[in-house]
Amino acid sequence: MNRSVTNAIRYVLDEWVPPAIRDSAWFMFPFFWLAYNGQNIRQVMNFKRLVYAFSEDEYREFYAGLNTISRNRATDLNEPSIRAMLQSIPSDTRTLLDVGCGRGYFLERVKEARADLSVMGCDVVDKVEGKLPLTLGRIEALPFPDQSFDVVTCSHTLEHIIDPSDAIRELKRVARRLLFIVVPCQRYYFYTLDEHVNFYPQKEILEAQIGLPAATCEKLNGDWFLKGDVQALHQQQLLPP
């Protein structure tokens, strides 16, 4: 089930079903049972309570053990978001890092479109398929020097991070020129089928968190795509007070 279909289902649930019904355990239980293949239903339904007490190892083990409809598909990205990112990569780009790369689907698309690029994936678990280079690491403490990559992409990851401020700081730190972010346009409910703890029903929330004044943000088939100029930020930081 691709991203556009699940976005459409989420839109109907979140916008058409009355909140008192939509966010009730009895109503959502069958959806969780289907989405998570009947496994660990109590834990995943209470994820938004439990995750705040997870250790780093427990957090990693939780995601490594997920067996869900969304986790088993090739990518969480919809096609318009993929095309927008590919088209936004400058012609003189040489290096690209995809943080939260999952199975590596977007990196494969990058290599198809731009065989000249040197690409790297980074994630907390190794689920990359094929021969794509992968570095294991947490987004809150990326294992790369400052300004290591011309372009850094991060798709469907920030919504899973308890405190995204450290993650955003790290994304901006390792990017030399551009930062691309994709997150779902989604309102908060306790029972969501996606392990999300951050929600972005309007683009201003995402823009404020990223903190890049010249960033652009647009909605593409139910997801926000933000493009930010990190190079300008680095230049400003080098200016004398």
C-alpha atoms as a PDB file:
ATOM      1  CA  MET A   1       0.000   0.000   0.000  1.00  0.00           C
ATOM      2  CA  ASN A   2       1.793   3.142  -1.191  1.00  0.00           C
ATOM      3  CA  ARG A   3       2.046   6.472   0.597  1.00  0.00           C
ATOM      4  CA  SER A   4      -0.644   8.245  -1.402  1.00  0.00           C
ATOM      5  CA  VAL A   5      -3.206   5.564  -0.504  1.00  0.00           C
ATOM      6  CA  THR A   6      -2.380   5.622   3.217  1.00  0.00           C
ATOM      7  CA  ASN A   7      -2.457   9.436   3.194  1.00  0.00           C
ATOM      8  CA  ALA A   8      -5.946   9.277   1.701  1.00  0.00           C
ATOM      9  CA  ILE A   9      -7.099   6.793   4.358  1.00  0.00           C
ATOM     10  CA  ARG A  10      -5.604   8.957   7.107  1.00  0.00           C
ATOM     11  CA  TYR A  11      -7.333  12.036   5.724  1.00  0.00           C
ATOM     12  CA  VAL A  12     -10.742  10.327   5.836  1.00  0.00           C
ATOM     13  CA  LEU A  13     -10.170   9.072   9.388  1.00  0.00           C
ATOM     14  CA  ASP A  14      -8.792  12.350  10.722  1.00  0.00           C
ATOM     15  CA  GLU A  15     -11.086  14.789   8.954  1.00  0.00           C
ATOM     16  CA  TRP A  16     -14.397  12.986   8.468  1.00  0.00           C
ATOM     17  CA  VAL A  17     -14.764  10.870  11.624  1.00  0.00           C
ATOM     18  CA  PRO A  18     -15.885  12.800  14.738  1.00  0.00           C
ATOM     19  CA  PRO A  19     -12.918  13.188  17.150  1.00  0.00           C
ATOM     20  CA  ALA A  20     -14.691  11.435  20.037  1.00  0.00           C
ATOM     21  CA  ILE A  21     -14.987   8.338  17.864  1.00  0.00           C
ATOM     22  CA  ARG A  22     -11.764   8.748  15.871  1.00  0.00           C
ATOM     23  CA  ASP A  23      -9.561   8.825  18.980  1.00  0.00           C
ATOM     24  CA  SER A  24     -11.183   6.007  20.891  1.00  0.00           C
ATOM     25  CA  ALA A  25      -9.402   2.704  21.491  1.00  0.00           C
ATOM     26  CA  TRP A  26     -12.388   0.533  20.566  1.00  0.00           C
ATOM     27  CA  PHE A  27     -12.806   2.255  17.189  1.00  0.00           C
ATOM     28  CA  MET A  28      -9.092   2.177  16.295  1.00  0.00           C
ATOM     29  CA  PHE A  29      -8.310  -1.352  17.526  1.00  0.00           C
ATOM     30  CA  PRO A  30      -9.248  -3.107  14.238  1.00  0.00           C
ATOM     31  CA  PHE A  31      -7.129  -0.641  12.264  1.00  0.00           C
ATOM     32  CA  PHE A  32      -4.134  -1.316  14.532  1.00  0.00           C
ATOM     33  CA  TRP A  33      -4.680  -5.061  14.221  1.00  0.00           C
ATOM     34  CA  LEU A  34      -4.531  -4.840  10.429  1.00  0.00           C
ATOM     35  CA  ALA A  35      -1.699  -2.300  10.252  1.00  0.00           C
ATOM     36  CA  TYR A  36       0.555  -4.163  12.699  1.00  0.00           C
ATOM     37  CA  ASN A  37      -0.341  -7.675  11.547  1.00  0.00           C
ATOM     38  CA  GLY A  38      -1.832  -8.492  14.952  1.00  0.00           C
ATOM     39  CA  GLN A  39       1.512  -8.123  16.743  1.00  0.00           C
ATOM     40  CA  ASN A  40       2.226  -6.180  19.976  1.00  0.00           C
ATOM     41  CA  ILE A  41      -1.074  -4.322  19.698  1.00  0.00           C
ATOM     42  CA  ARG A  42      -1.134  -3.146  23.325  1.00  0.00           C
ATOM     43  CA  GLN A  43       2.380  -1.716  23.025  1.00  0.00           C
ATOM     44  CA  VAL A  44       1.861   0.082  19.724  1.00  0.00           C
ATOM     45  CA  MET A  45      -1.519   1.489  20.746  1.00  0.00           C
ATOM     46  CA  ASN A  46       0.129   2.990  23.848  1.00  0.00           C
ATOM     47  CA  PHE A  47       3.327   4.020  22.061  1.00  0.00           C
ATOM     48  CA  LYS A  48       2.846   7.733  22.754  1.00  0.00           C
ATOM     49  CA  ARG A  49       2.935   7.009  26.502  1.00  0.00           C
ATOM     50  CA  LEU A  50       5.652   4.353  26.499  1.00  0.00           C
ATOM     51  CA  VAL A  51       8.214   5.956  24.183  1.00  0.00           C
ATOM     52  CA  TYR A  52       9.178   8.662  26.688  1.00  0.00           C
ATOM     53  CA  ALA A  53      10.546   5.984  29.029  1.00  0.00           C
ATOM     54  CA  PHE A  54      12.434   4.038  26.337  1.00  0.00           C
ATOM     55  CA  SER A  55      16.200   3.784  26.598  1.00  0.00           C
ATOM     56  CA  GLU A  56      18.226   4.204  23.396  1.00  0.00           C
ATOM     57  CA  ASP A  57      18.484   0.421  23.061  1.00  0.00           C
ATOM     58  CA  GLU A  58      14.748  -0.065  23.649  1.00  0.00           C
ATOM     59  CA  TYR A  59      13.969   2.630  21.076  1.00  0.00           C
ATOM     60  CA  ARG A  60      16.234   0.940  18.530  1.00  0.00           C
ATOM     61  CA  GLU A  61      14.858  -2.532  19.279  1.00  0.00           C
ATOM     62  CA  PHE A  62      11.282  -1.307  18.963  1.00  0.00           C
ATOM     63  CA  TYR A  63      11.847   0.015  15.451  1.00  0.00           C
ATOM     64  CA  ALA A  64      14.020  -2.923  14.425  1.00  0.00           C
ATOM     65  CA  GLY A  65      11.211  -5.320  15.351  1.00  0.00           C
ATOM     66  CA  LEU A  66       8.315  -3.528  13.670  1.00  0.00           C
ATOM     67  CA  ASN A  67       6.349  -5.607  11.182  1.00  0.00           C
ATOM     68  CA  THR A  68       3.748  -3.254   9.736  1.00  0.00           C
ATOM     69  CA  ILE A  69       2.162  -2.356   6.435  1.00  0.00           C
ATOM     70  CA  SER A  70       4.040   0.950   6.312  1.00  0.00           C
ATOM     71  CA  ARG A  71       7.401  -0.507   7.402  1.00  0.00           C
ATOM     72  CA  ASN A  72       7.247  -3.322   4.875  1.00  0.00           C
ATOM     73  CA  ARG A  73       6.668  -1.115   1.836  1.00  0.00           C
ATOM     74  CA  ALA A  74       9.531   0.163  -0.268  1.00  0.00           C
ATOM     75  CA  THR A  75       9.264   3.763   0.964  1.00  0.00           C
ATOM     76  CA  ASP A  76       7.163   6.176   3.010  1.00  0.00           C
ATOM     77  CA  LEU A  77       7.701   8.877   0.391  1.00  0.00           C
ATOM     78  CA  ASN A  78       5.048   9.723  -2.159  1.00  0.00           C
ATOM     79  CA  GLU A  79       6.086  10.226  -5.766  1.00  0.00           C
ATOM     80  CA  PRO A  80       5.563  14.030  -5.868  1.00  0.00           C
ATOM     81  CA  SER A  81       7.889  14.441  -2.873  1.00  0.00           C
ATOM     82  CA  ILE A  82      10.530  12.257  -4.517  1.00  0.00           C
ATOM     83  CA  ARG A  83      10.349  14.235  -7.753  1.00  0.00           C
ATOM     84  CA  ALA A  84      10.483  17.551  -5.885  1.00  0.00           C
ATOM     85  CA  MET A  85      13.647  16.547  -4.034  1.00  0.00           C
ATOM     86  CA  LEU A  86      15.356  15.159  -7.127  1.00  0.00           C
ATOM     87  CA  GLN A  87      14.555  18.295  -9.115  1.00  0.00           C
ATOM     88  CA  SER A  88      15.860  20.503  -6.294  1.00  0.00           C
ATOM     89  CA  ILE A  89      19.348  18.981  -6.227  1.00  0.00           C
ATOM     90  CA  PRO A  90      21.693  21.538  -7.849  1.00  0.00           C
ATOM     91  CA  SER A  91      23.610  20.350 -10.910  1.00  0.00           C
ATOM     92  CA  ASP A  92      26.981  20.903  -9.231  1.00  0.00           C
ATOM     93  CA  THR A  93      26.121  18.824  -6.142  1.00  0.00           C
ATOM     94  CA  ARG A  94      28.664  16.117  -5.387  1.00  0.00           C
ATOM     95  CA  THR A  95      27.566  14.547  -2.079  1.00  0.00           C
ATOM     96  CA  LEU A  96      24.180  13.700  -0.523  1.00  0.00           C
ATOM     97  CA  LEU A  97      23.212  12.202   2.836  1.00  0.00           C
ATOM     98  CA  ASP A  98      19.780  10.695   3.518  1.00  0.00           C
ATOM     99  CA  VAL A  99      19.088  10.596   7.275  1.00  0.00           C
ATOM    100  CA  GLY A 100      16.497   8.035   8.330  1.00  0.00           C
ATOM    101  CA  CYS A 101      17.033   6.277   5.014  1.00  0.00           C
ATOM    102  CA  GLY A 102      15.051   3.136   5.858  1.00  0.00           C
ATOM    103  CA  ARG A 103      15.424   0.584   3.072  1.00  0.00           C
ATOM    104  CA  GLY A 104      17.348   3.035   0.902  1.00  0.00           C
ATOM    105  CA  TYR A 105      14.641   3.556  -1.700  1.00  0.00           C
ATOM    106  CA  PHE A 106      15.233   7.300  -2.094  1.00  0.00           C
ATOM    107  CA  LEU A 107      18.991   6.800  -2.394  1.00  0.00           C
ATOM    108  CA  GLU A 108      18.370   4.311  -5.191  1.00  0.00           C
ATOM    109  CA  ARG A 109      16.245   6.913  -6.973  1.00  0.00           C
ATOM    110  CA  VAL A 110      19.009   9.489  -6.501  1.00  0.00           C
ATOM    111  CA  LYS A 111      21.568   7.131  -8.024  1.00  0.00           C
ATOM    112  CA  GLU A 112      19.260   6.476 -10.997  1.00  0.00           C
ATOM    113  CA  ALA A 113      18.798  10.193 -11.627  1.00  0.00           C
ATOM    114  CA  ARG A 114      22.316  11.359 -10.691  1.00  0.00           C
ATOM    115  CA  ALA A 115      24.892   8.620 -11.079  1.00  0.00           C
ATOM    116  CA  ASP A 116      27.607  11.229 -10.529  1.00  0.00           C
ATOM    117  CA  LEU A 117      26.646  11.788  -6.884  1.00  0.00           C
ATOM    118  CA  SER A 118      28.346  10.187  -3.903  1.00  0.00           C
ATOM    119  CA  VAL A 119      25.504   9.137  -1.572  1.00  0.00           C
ATOM    120  CA  MET A 120      25.323   7.932   2.014  1.00  0.00           C
ATOM    121  CA  GLY A 121      22.461   6.621   4.145  1.00  0.00           C
ATOM    122  CA  CYS A 122      22.142   6.904   7.919  1.00  0.00           C
ATOM    123  CA  ASP A 123      19.655   5.154  10.210  1.00  0.00           C
ATOM    124  CA  VAL A 124      19.407   3.613  13.673  1.00  0.00           C
ATOM    125  CA  VAL A 125      18.824   0.141  12.189  1.00  0.00           C
ATOM    126  CA  ASP A 126      20.220  -1.539   9.096  1.00  0.00           C
ATOM    127  CA  LYS A 127      17.416  -2.344   6.680  1.00  0.00           C
ATOM    128  CA  VAL A 128      19.106  -1.029   3.541  1.00  0.00           C
ATOM    129  CA  GLU A 129      18.728  -3.317   0.573  1.00  0.00           C
ATOM    130  CA  GLY A 130      21.400  -3.688  -2.100  1.00  0.00           C
ATOM    131  CA  LYS A 131      24.892  -2.228  -1.907  1.00  0.00           C
ATOM    132  CA  LEU A 132      24.153   1.311  -0.795  1.00  0.00           C
ATOM    133  CA  PRO A 133      26.589   2.730   1.786  1.00  0.00           C
ATOM    134  CA  LEU A 134      25.089   2.988   5.265  1.00  0.00           C
ATOM    135  CA  THR A 135      26.324   4.469   8.529  1.00  0.00           C
ATOM    136  CA  LEU A 136      24.466   3.508  11.688  1.00  0.00           C
ATOM    137  CA  GLY A 137      23.740   6.463  13.926  1.00  0.00           C
ATOM    138  CA  ARG A 138      21.144   8.503  15.778  1.00  0.00           C
ATOM    139  CA  ILE A 139      19.815  11.637  14.167  1.00  0.00           C
ATOM    140  CA  GLU A 140      20.392  13.524  17.428  1.00  0.00           C
ATOM    141  CA  ALA A 141      24.160  12.826  17.188  1.00  0.00           C
ATOM    142  CA  LEU A 142      25.080  12.222  13.552  1.00  0.00           C
ATOM    143  CA  PRO A 143      28.514  10.582  13.144  1.00  0.00           C
ATOM    144  CA  PHE A 144      29.795  13.035  10.512  1.00  0.00           C
ATOM    145  CA  PRO A 145      31.965  16.174  10.620  1.00  0.00           C
ATOM    146  CA  ASP A 146      30.503  19.648  10.125  1.00  0.00           C
ATOM    147  CA  GLN A 147      29.299  20.435   6.587  1.00  0.00           C
ATOM    148  CA  SER A 148      30.149  16.949   5.304  1.00  0.00           C
ATOM    149  CA  PHE A 149      27.497  16.803   2.562  1.00  0.00           C
ATOM    150  CA  ASP A 150      26.318  19.273  -0.070  1.00  0.00           C
ATOM    151  CA  VAL A 151      22.703  18.160   0.365  1.00  0.00           C
ATOM    152  CA  VAL A 152      21.089  16.460   3.356  1.00  0.00           C
ATOM    153  CA  THR A 153      17.628  14.902   3.136  1.00  0.00           C
ATOM    154  CA  CYS A 154      15.441  13.670   5.984  1.00  0.00           C
ATOM    155  CA  SER A 155      12.052  12.167   5.158  1.00  0.00           C
ATOM    156  CA  HIS A 156       9.375  10.912   7.558  1.00  0.00           C
ATOM    157  CA  THR A 157      11.752  10.927  10.508  1.00  0.00           C
ATOM    158  CA  LEU A 158      11.261  14.107  12.565  1.00  0.00           C
ATOM    159  CA  GLU A 159       7.719  13.073  13.462  1.00  0.00           C
ATOM    160  CA  HIS A 160       9.214  10.078  15.315  1.00  0.00           C
ATOM    161  CA  ILE A 161      11.734  12.054  17.398  1.00  0.00           C
ATOM    162  CA  ILE A 162      10.766  12.926  20.969  1.00  0.00           C
ATOM    163  CA  ASP A 163      12.702  16.203  20.979  1.00  0.00           C
ATOM    164  CA  PRO A 164      13.397  17.272  17.380  1.00  0.00           C
ATOM    165  CA  SER A 165      15.536  20.291  18.325  1.00  0.00           C
ATOM    166  CA  ASP A 166      18.754  18.247  18.631  1.00  0.00           C
ATOM    167  CA  ALA A 167      17.948  16.387  15.420  1.00  0.00           C
ATOM    168  CA  ILE A 168      17.359  19.595  13.480  1.00  0.00           C
ATOM    169  CA  ARG A 169      20.568  21.122  14.801  1.00  0.00           C
ATOM    170  CA  GLU A 170      22.495  18.055  13.630  1.00  0.00           C
ATOM    171  CA  LEU A 171      20.882  18.068  10.175  1.00  0.00           C
ATOM    172  CA  LYS A 172      21.889  21.690   9.690  1.00  0.00           C
ATOM    173  CA  ARG A 173      25.372  21.021  11.064  1.00  0.00           C
ATOM    174  CA  VAL A 174      26.299  18.289   8.577  1.00  0.00           C
ATOM    175  CA  ALA A 175      24.676  19.979   5.550  1.00  0.00           C
ATOM    176  CA  ARG A 176      26.882  22.287   3.513  1.00  0.00           C
ATOM    177  CA  ARG A 177      24.341  23.798   1.119  1.00  0.00           C
ATOM    178  CA  LEU A 178      20.759  22.519   1.213  1.00  0.00           C
ATOM    179  CA  LEU A 179      18.484  20.678   3.613  1.00  0.00           C
ATOM    180  CA  PHE A 180      15.325  18.869   2.442  1.00  0.00           C
ATOM    181  CA  ILE A 181      12.701  17.784   4.994  1.00  0.00           C
ATOM    182  CA  VAL A 182       9.534  15.756   4.377  1.00  0.00           C
ATOM    183  CA  VAL A 183       6.944  15.200   7.120  1.00  0.00           C
ATOM    184  CA  PRO A 184       3.230  14.337   7.022  1.00  0.00           C
ATOM    185  CA  CYS A 185       0.594  17.039   7.155  1.00  0.00           C
ATOM    186  CA  GLN A 186      -1.252  15.507  10.083  1.00  0.00           C
ATOM    187  CA  ARG A 187      -3.270  16.633  13.088  1.00  0.00           C
ATOM    188  CA  TYR A 188      -2.672  15.138  16.543  1.00  0.00           C
ATOM    189  CA  TYR A 189      -4.554  12.075  17.731  1.00  0.00           C
ATOM    190  CA  PHE A 190      -3.378   9.692  20.413  1.00  0.00           C
ATOM    191  CA  TYR A 191      -4.218   6.615  18.336  1.00  0.00           C
ATOM    192  CA  THR A 192      -2.326   6.995  15.068  1.00  0.00           C
ATOM    193  CA  LEU A 193      -1.043   4.068  13.022  1.00  0.00           C
ATOM    194  CA  ASP A 194       2.468   5.416  12.633  1.00  0.00           C
ATOM    195  CA  GLU A 195       4.438   5.816  15.908  1.00  0.00           C
ATOM    196  CA  HIS A 196       4.378   9.611  15.535  1.00  0.00           C
ATOM    197  CA  VAL A 197       5.012  11.928  18.472  1.00  0.00           C
ATOM    198  CA  ASN A 198       5.310  15.207  16.534  1.00  0.00           C
ATOM    199  CA  PHE A 199       2.545  16.563  14.331  1.00  0.00           C
ATOM    200  CA  TYR A 200       2.536  19.199  11.604  1.00  0.00           C
ATOM    201  CA  PRO A 201      -1.035  20.140  10.657  1.00  0.00           C
ATOM    202  CA  GLN A 202       0.238  23.464   9.249  1.00  0.00           C
ATOM    203  CA  LYS A 203       3.510  24.333   7.560  1.00  0.00           C
ATOM    204  CA  GLU A 204       4.306  27.167   9.977  1.00  0.00           C
ATOM    205  CA  ILE A 205       5.019  24.632  12.738  1.00  0.00           C
ATOM    206  CA  LEU A 206       7.627  22.906  10.609  1.00  0.00           C
ATOM    207  CA  GLU A 207       9.115  26.181   9.361  1.00  0.00           C
ATOM    208  CA  ALA A 208       9.487  27.468  12.920  1.00  0.00           C
ATOM    209  CA  GLN A 209      11.166  24.259  14.093  1.00  0.00           C
ATOM    210  CA  ILE A 210      13.653  24.163  11.212  1.00  0.00           C
ATOM    211  CA  GLY A 211      14.523  27.838  11.676  1.00  0.00           C
ATOM    212  CA  LEU A 212      15.851  28.643   8.201  1.00  0.00           C
ATOM    213  CA  PRO A 213      14.477  32.077   7.222  1.00  0.00           C
ATOM    214  CA  ALA A 214      14.700  31.518   3.463  1.00  0.00           C
ATOM    215  CA  ALA A 215      13.116  28.049   3.523  1.00  0.00           C
ATOM    216  CA  THR A 216      10.214  27.194   1.233  1.00  0.00           C
ATOM    217  CA  CYS A 217       7.516  24.711   2.216  1.00  0.00           C
ATOM    218  CA  GLU A 218       4.742  23.195   0.101  1.00  0.00           C
ATOM    219  CA  LYS A 219       2.172  20.430   0.517  1.00  0.00           C
ATOM    220  CA  LEU A 220       2.550  17.487  -1.862  1.00  0.00           C
ATOM    221  CA  ASN A 221      -0.164  14.829  -1.726  1.00  0.00           C
ATOM    222  CA  GLY A 222      -0.648  15.157   2.021  1.00  0.00           C
ATOM    223  CA  ASP A 223       2.997  15.661   3.020  1.00  0.00           C
ATOM    224  CA  TRP A 224       5.047  18.822   3.620  1.00  0.00           C
ATOM    225  CA  PHE A 225       8.230  19.299   1.602  1.00  0.00           C
ATOM    226  CA  LEU A 226      10.581  21.924   3.046  1.00  0.00           C
ATOM    227  CA  LYS A 227      13.710  23.114   1.257  1.00  0.00           C
ATOM    228  CA  GLY A 228      16.153  25.229   3.257  1.00  0.00           C
ATOM    229  CA  ASP A 229      19.364  27.064   2.373  1.00  0.00           C
ATOM    230  CA  VAL A 230      21.874  25.990   5.013  1.00  0.00           C
ATOM    231  CA  GLN A 231      24.814  27.620   3.242  1.00  0.00           C
ATOM    232  CA  ALA A 232      23.395  31.054   3.975  1.00  0.00           C
ATOM    233  CA  LEU A 233      23.069  30.100   7.649  1.00  0.00           C
ATOM    234  CA  HIS A 234      26.710  28.981   7.839  1.00  0.00           C
ATOM    235  CA  GLN A 235      27.835  32.225   6.203  1.00  0.00           C
ATOM    236  CA  GLN A 236      25.853  34.282   8.704  1.00  0.00           C
ATOM    237  CA  GLN A 237      27.455  32.394  11.599  1.00  0.00           C
ATOM    238  CA  LEU A 238      30.910  33.271  10.251  1.00  0.00           C
ATOM    239  CA  LEU A 239      30.175  36.991  10.153  1.00  0.00           C
ATOM    240  CA  PRO A 240      31.620  39.075  13.005  1.00  0.00           C
ATOM    241  CA  PRO A 241      29.094  40.350  15.575  1.00  0.00           C
END
